[in-house]
Amino acid sequence: MPHWKLILTYDGTPYNGWQVQPNLPTVQGTLAQAIHRITGETVLPQGSGRTATGVHALAQVATFSLTVPIPAANLHRALNRALPPSIRVLTVEAVPEHFHARHNALRKTYEYRILPCIHDDRICSPMLAPYVWPCRFSLDLAVLQQAASHILGTHDFTSFAANDPDQATRNAAHPKTNEDEFIGTTDPLQPNQTQPNERNVISTEAAHGLIVSRAVEKSASQPPPSTNPTDNIRTIFHSIWHQQEDLLIYRITGSGFLHHMVRNLVGTFVEAAAHRISPDEIPIILAARNRSAAGPTAPASGLFLVEVEYE
């Protein structure tokens, strides 16, 4: 059974995040529909992590298995023809059956982009607005970097994690994996139990409905959440701000990321750079292990998944 690894880039603006949801456009659901349109098979591609509504990806990784043999080049070309322009497949390669986009990820890199709009004469172009945070605070780049340096190393990031009701269930199922803002642990769906000449009987819309219903059923069948404390410890290898023309850009690499963690970090760093808190309060906020101790959540539009690293 061919097992495929894709690297995708997408504009997250028109989607309600990565994960498939009933009656809502999502990247995962759109990709599953494209695969069905090409092969007639109903599968749920597994991403390296969930990106939230409005978050973008320069190199999201997805894996799935098919029963039909198809050359990689043909699958690559067909996917880009079937997908909307907001999603492009950069690479397609066959990988061992045990390879999983999320479970095998070692490091992930995100980037956040801010366009300072302090003065009324600074206008954020509508061509740029979906991809930045047009921020009206006066920001001190040196303070941004001072604040960001405090999170290097291994810490408990509970203070920077949004509430994620599915996390305890996922930890019970996969205690050693990095969740990386991912909601749901649905395994790849089995292909339709149809004969080869019957693959196209089910419509793409019906296939999408089947994908959603199976995902919901799988979620409902998960064991009850563990009573053990949630593991919110992550290791940050790289945390740095720099200026690129008019943009302030934050780049972070870590072993994994909690729900909305990067956006909560950025929101807190901005509070420091706007001189609302001291950058030296970051270790205190980490130690508090309380979301209310940290700053607000930065808008989704400025966030990009940049790279996923594997062995």
Protein backbone atom coordinates (compact mmCIF):
# COMPACT_ATOMS: atom_id res chain seq x y z
CA MET A 1 0.00 0.00 0.00
CA PRO A 2 1.70 3.27 -1.09
CA HIS A 3 2.32 5.67 1.80
CA TRP A 4 2.80 9.30 0.83
CA LYS A 5 4.40 12.38 2.38
CA LEU A 6 3.41 15.79 1.07
CA ILE A 7 4.84 19.22 1.82
CA LEU A 8 2.14 21.87 1.44
CA THR A 9 2.00 25.63 1.45
CA TYR A 10 -1.29 27.41 1.98
CA ASP A 11 -2.97 30.70 2.66
CA GLY A 12 -4.99 30.04 5.81
CA THR A 13 -7.30 33.04 5.35
CA PRO A 14 -10.29 31.21 3.76
CA TYR A 15 -10.07 28.15 6.02
CA ASN A 16 -11.31 27.29 9.49
CA GLY A 17 -7.92 25.87 10.34
CA TRP A 18 -6.30 22.59 9.35
CA GLN A 19 -8.54 20.02 11.03
CA VAL A 20 -11.64 18.75 9.26
CA GLN A 21 -14.90 20.12 10.72
CA PRO A 22 -18.55 19.62 9.77
CA ASN A 23 -19.88 22.17 7.26
CA LEU A 24 -16.73 24.32 7.40
CA PRO A 25 -13.89 24.72 4.89
CA THR A 26 -10.62 23.35 6.28
CA VAL A 27 -7.24 22.57 4.75
CA GLN A 28 -7.37 18.90 5.79
CA GLY A 29 -10.89 18.49 4.43
CA THR A 30 -10.04 20.24 1.17
CA LEU A 31 -6.96 18.04 0.69
CA ALA A 32 -9.01 14.90 1.44
CA GLN A 33 -11.57 15.94 -1.17
CA ALA A 34 -8.83 16.46 -3.75
CA ILE A 35 -7.37 13.02 -3.03
CA HIS A 36 -10.82 11.46 -3.42
CA ARG A 37 -11.43 13.30 -6.68
CA ILE A 38 -8.17 11.89 -8.08
CA THR A 39 -8.18 8.35 -6.70
CA GLY A 40 -11.73 7.61 -5.56
CA GLU A 41 -10.35 6.73 -2.12
CA THR A 42 -11.61 8.25 1.12
CA VAL A 43 -8.65 9.02 3.38
CA LEU A 44 -7.93 11.62 6.04
CA PRO A 45 -4.40 13.00 5.56
CA GLN A 46 -2.53 13.51 8.84
CA GLY A 47 -0.76 16.84 9.29
CA SER A 48 2.38 17.57 11.27
CA GLY A 49 0.22 19.83 13.44
CA ARG A 50 -2.98 21.78 13.47
CA THR A 51 -2.89 25.35 12.27
CA ALA A 52 -5.76 27.47 13.57
CA THR A 53 -8.22 29.57 11.57
CA GLY A 54 -6.35 32.17 9.55
CA VAL A 55 -2.88 30.74 10.21
CA HIS A 56 -0.69 30.07 7.18
CA ALA A 57 1.88 27.43 6.26
CA LEU A 58 5.01 27.61 4.13
CA ALA A 59 5.83 23.93 4.68
CA GLN A 60 3.10 21.89 6.35
CA VAL A 61 3.73 18.13 6.16
CA ALA A 62 0.95 15.59 5.61
CA THR A 63 0.93 11.81 5.26
CA PHE A 64 -1.64 9.31 4.01
CA SER A 65 -1.88 5.86 2.44
CA LEU A 66 -3.57 4.82 -0.79
CA THR A 67 -4.42 1.42 -2.22
CA VAL A 68 -4.00 2.50 -5.85
CA PRO A 69 -0.46 2.70 -7.25
CA ILE A 70 0.29 6.08 -8.81
CA PRO A 71 3.64 7.66 -9.79
CA ALA A 72 4.68 10.47 -7.44
CA ALA A 73 4.98 12.97 -10.28
CA ASN A 74 1.46 12.17 -11.48
CA LEU A 75 0.01 12.50 -7.97
CA HIS A 76 1.83 15.80 -7.48
CA ARG A 77 0.52 17.23 -10.73
CA ALA A 78 -3.03 15.95 -10.17
CA LEU A 79 -3.25 17.34 -6.64
CA ASN A 80 -2.27 20.83 -7.70
CA ARG A 81 -4.87 20.69 -10.46
CA ALA A 82 -7.58 19.51 -8.05
CA LEU A 83 -6.77 21.86 -5.17
CA PRO A 84 -7.82 25.52 -5.01
CA PRO A 85 -5.10 28.15 -5.63
CA SER A 86 -4.90 28.84 -1.88
CA ILE A 87 -3.28 25.41 -1.35
CA ARG A 88 -0.24 24.19 -3.28
CA VAL A 89 1.64 20.92 -3.00
CA LEU A 90 5.39 21.58 -3.07
CA THR A 91 6.69 18.01 -2.96
CA VAL A 92 5.35 14.43 -3.02
CA GLU A 93 7.40 11.42 -1.98
CA ALA A 94 6.81 7.81 -1.01
CA VAL A 95 7.85 7.04 2.57
CA PRO A 96 7.86 3.93 4.81
CA GLU A 97 4.42 2.93 6.05
CA HIS A 98 5.32 3.67 9.69
CA PHE A 99 6.21 7.32 8.96
CA HIS A 100 3.70 9.76 10.50
CA ALA A 101 3.77 13.50 9.83
CA ARG A 102 3.05 14.40 13.45
CA HIS A 103 4.38 11.53 15.55
CA ASN A 104 7.81 11.55 13.87
CA ALA A 105 8.35 15.32 13.95
CA LEU A 106 11.39 16.39 15.99
CA ARG A 107 11.34 20.18 15.64
CA LYS A 108 9.02 22.78 14.20
CA THR A 109 9.67 26.37 13.25
CA TYR A 110 7.11 29.16 13.22
CA GLU A 111 7.41 32.75 12.11
CA TYR A 112 5.28 35.71 13.21
CA ARG A 113 5.15 38.98 11.27
CA ILE A 114 4.20 42.39 12.63
CA LEU A 115 3.73 45.58 10.62
CA PRO A 116 4.07 48.54 13.02
CA CYS A 117 1.33 51.07 12.23
CA ILE A 118 2.00 53.64 14.93
CA HIS A 119 1.03 56.70 12.95
CA ASP A 120 -2.21 57.29 11.10
CA ASP A 121 -0.31 57.83 7.84
CA ARG A 122 1.03 54.24 7.96
CA ILE A 123 -1.48 52.20 6.00
CA CYS A 124 -1.44 48.42 5.90
CA SER A 125 -2.10 47.42 2.31
CA PRO A 126 -5.08 45.09 1.82
CA MET A 127 -2.65 42.85 -0.10
CA LEU A 128 -0.55 42.52 3.07
CA ALA A 129 -3.19 42.65 5.81
CA PRO A 130 -4.08 38.91 5.78
CA TYR A 131 -0.42 38.03 6.44
CA VAL A 132 0.66 40.39 9.24
CA TRP A 133 -0.49 41.92 12.49
CA PRO A 134 -0.93 45.65 11.79
CA CYS A 135 0.10 46.71 15.29
CA ARG A 136 -0.56 50.26 16.52
CA PHE A 137 1.77 50.05 19.53
CA SER A 138 5.20 51.65 19.49
CA LEU A 139 7.48 48.63 19.79
CA ASP A 140 11.09 48.52 20.98
CA LEU A 141 12.93 45.83 18.98
CA ALA A 142 15.64 45.46 21.65
CA VAL A 143 12.99 44.78 24.30
CA LEU A 144 11.23 42.28 22.03
CA GLN A 145 14.50 40.36 21.76
CA GLN A 146 15.23 40.63 25.47
CA ALA A 147 11.82 39.16 26.28
CA ALA A 148 12.16 36.39 23.67
CA SER A 149 15.52 35.25 25.04
CA HIS A 150 13.94 34.28 28.37
CA ILE A 151 12.07 31.30 26.87
CA LEU A 152 15.14 29.53 25.44
CA GLY A 153 15.64 26.07 26.89
CA THR A 154 13.19 23.68 28.49
CA HIS A 155 10.21 25.13 30.38
CA ASP A 156 6.64 24.46 31.38
CA PHE A 157 4.63 26.67 29.00
CA THR A 158 1.25 26.36 30.71
CA SER A 159 1.05 30.16 31.04
CA PHE A 160 1.21 30.46 27.27
CA ALA A 161 -1.20 27.64 26.39
CA ALA A 162 -4.81 28.27 25.43
CA ASN A 163 -7.42 25.92 26.81
CA ASP A 164 -7.49 22.75 24.71
CA PRO A 165 -10.24 20.34 25.87
CA ASP A 166 -8.90 17.45 23.77
CA GLN A 167 -5.32 17.57 25.04
CA ALA A 168 -5.65 15.16 27.98
CA THR A 169 -7.19 12.56 25.68
CA ARG A 170 -4.35 12.94 23.19
CA ASN A 171 -1.72 12.70 25.90
CA ALA A 172 -3.26 9.44 27.12
CA ALA A 173 -3.17 8.02 23.59
CA HIS A 174 0.28 9.37 22.60
CA PRO A 175 2.12 10.49 25.74
CA LYS A 176 5.46 11.14 24.03
CA THR A 177 4.32 13.09 20.98
CA ASN A 178 4.38 16.80 20.37
CA GLU A 179 0.90 18.18 19.82
CA ASP A 180 1.93 21.45 18.18
CA GLU A 181 -1.39 23.26 18.34
CA PHE A 182 -3.11 20.10 17.02
CA ILE A 183 -6.66 19.19 17.99
CA GLY A 184 -7.73 15.58 17.47
CA THR A 185 -5.78 12.39 16.97
CA THR A 186 -7.88 10.77 14.30
CA ASP A 187 -5.95 7.98 12.60
CA PRO A 188 -5.93 7.74 8.80
CA LEU A 189 -9.28 6.48 7.59
CA GLN A 190 -9.52 3.22 5.74
CA PRO A 191 -10.28 3.51 2.03
CA ASN A 192 -13.82 2.87 0.84
CA GLN A 193 -14.62 -0.80 0.73
CA THR A 194 -15.51 -0.69 -2.94
CA GLN A 195 -14.25 -2.58 -5.93
CA PRO A 196 -11.81 -0.71 -8.22
CA ASN A 197 -14.48 -0.10 -10.86
CA GLU A 198 -16.81 1.35 -8.20
CA ARG A 199 -14.46 3.96 -6.75
CA ASN A 200 -16.12 6.95 -8.42
CA VAL A 201 -19.69 6.03 -7.43
CA ILE A 202 -19.47 8.14 -4.28
CA SER A 203 -19.33 11.88 -4.95
CA THR A 204 -16.58 14.12 -3.60
CA GLU A 205 -19.14 15.93 -1.42
CA ALA A 206 -20.39 12.62 -0.03
CA ALA A 207 -16.79 11.55 0.59
CA HIS A 208 -16.18 14.71 2.58
CA GLY A 209 -19.27 13.99 4.67
CA LEU A 210 -18.00 10.47 5.26
CA ILE A 211 -14.59 11.79 6.31
CA VAL A 212 -16.17 14.17 8.81
CA SER A 213 -18.53 11.55 10.25
CA ARG A 214 -15.73 9.01 10.68
CA ALA A 215 -13.53 11.63 12.34
CA VAL A 216 -16.32 12.49 14.78
CA GLU A 217 -16.97 8.80 15.49
CA LYS A 218 -13.27 8.21 16.09
CA SER A 219 -13.10 11.15 18.48
CA ALA A 220 -16.14 9.89 20.39
CA SER A 221 -14.59 6.43 20.74
CA GLN A 222 -11.40 7.75 22.38
CA PRO A 223 -10.83 6.70 26.02
CA PRO A 224 -11.78 9.15 28.78
CA PRO A 225 -9.20 11.85 29.54
CA SER A 226 -6.31 10.93 31.79
CA THR A 227 -6.32 12.24 35.34
CA ASN A 228 -2.56 12.80 35.18
CA PRO A 229 -1.34 16.41 35.01
CA THR A 230 -1.01 17.73 31.48
CA ASP A 231 2.56 17.76 30.19
CA ASN A 232 3.14 21.29 28.93
CA ILE A 233 6.94 21.08 28.99
CA ARG A 234 8.59 22.03 25.72
CA THR A 235 12.14 22.86 24.62
CA ILE A 236 12.81 26.02 22.64
CA PHE A 237 16.00 25.98 20.54
CA HIS A 238 15.68 29.31 18.74
CA SER A 239 13.78 32.46 19.72
CA ILE A 240 14.73 35.67 17.97
CA TRP A 241 13.29 38.89 16.55
CA HIS A 242 14.67 40.83 13.61
CA GLN A 243 13.58 43.67 11.37
CA GLN A 244 13.13 43.14 7.63
CA GLU A 245 12.29 46.39 5.88
CA ASP A 246 9.02 47.53 7.53
CA LEU A 247 8.28 44.22 9.24
CA LEU A 248 9.22 42.96 12.70
CA ILE A 249 9.65 39.20 12.37
CA TYR A 250 9.80 36.65 15.17
CA ARG A 251 11.18 33.17 14.48
CA ILE A 252 10.91 30.31 16.97
CA THR A 253 12.01 26.68 16.77
CA GLY A 254 10.94 24.15 19.37
CA SER A 255 10.36 20.50 20.11
CA GLY A 256 6.63 21.21 19.90
CA PHE A 257 4.06 23.89 20.61
CA LEU A 258 0.92 24.02 22.71
CA HIS A 259 -2.45 25.35 21.55
CA HIS A 260 -1.99 29.04 20.55
CA MET A 261 1.40 29.04 22.29
CA VAL A 262 3.29 31.07 19.68
CA ARG A 263 0.55 33.70 19.43
CA ASN A 264 0.37 33.99 23.22
CA LEU A 265 4.14 34.40 23.40
CA VAL A 266 4.05 37.13 20.75
CA GLY A 267 1.21 38.93 22.50
CA THR A 268 3.21 38.92 25.74
CA PHE A 269 6.43 40.06 24.05
CA VAL A 270 4.51 42.95 22.50
CA GLU A 271 3.26 43.93 25.95
CA ALA A 272 6.90 44.15 27.03
CA ALA A 273 8.02 46.03 23.92
CA ALA A 274 5.19 48.53 24.44
CA HIS A 275 6.54 49.05 28.02
CA ARG A 276 3.40 47.69 29.65
CA ILE A 277 5.38 45.01 31.46
CA SER A 278 9.10 44.44 31.98
CA PRO A 279 10.77 41.88 29.70
CA ASP A 280 12.31 40.41 32.84
CA GLU A 281 8.82 39.37 33.95
CA ILE A 282 8.81 36.54 31.40
CA PRO A 283 10.45 34.02 33.79
CA ILE A 284 7.90 35.00 36.45
CA ILE A 285 5.06 34.44 33.97
CA LEU A 286 6.50 31.03 33.05
CA ALA A 287 6.76 30.06 36.72
CA ALA A 288 3.14 31.08 37.37
CA ARG A 289 1.84 28.27 35.10
CA ASN A 290 -1.35 30.27 34.70
CA ARG A 291 -2.68 31.58 31.39
CA SER A 292 -3.98 34.75 33.06
CA ALA A 293 -0.41 35.72 33.98
CA ALA A 294 0.60 36.15 30.33
CA GLY A 295 -0.41 38.70 27.73
CA PRO A 296 -3.13 38.62 25.06
CA THR A 297 -3.22 36.32 22.06
CA ALA A 298 -1.75 37.88 18.92
CA PRO A 299 -3.94 37.73 15.78
CA ALA A 300 -3.76 34.57 13.67
CA SER A 301 -2.98 36.44 10.45
CA GLY A 302 0.69 37.02 11.26
CA LEU A 303 1.56 33.38 12.00
CA PHE A 304 3.25 30.97 9.56
CA LEU A 305 4.35 27.36 9.98
CA VAL A 306 7.76 27.53 8.32
CA GLU A 307 9.44 24.14 8.69
CA VAL A 308 9.02 20.68 10.21
CA GLU A 309 12.17 18.65 10.87
CA TYR A 310 12.52 14.87 10.97
CA GLU A 311 15.39 12.45 11.50
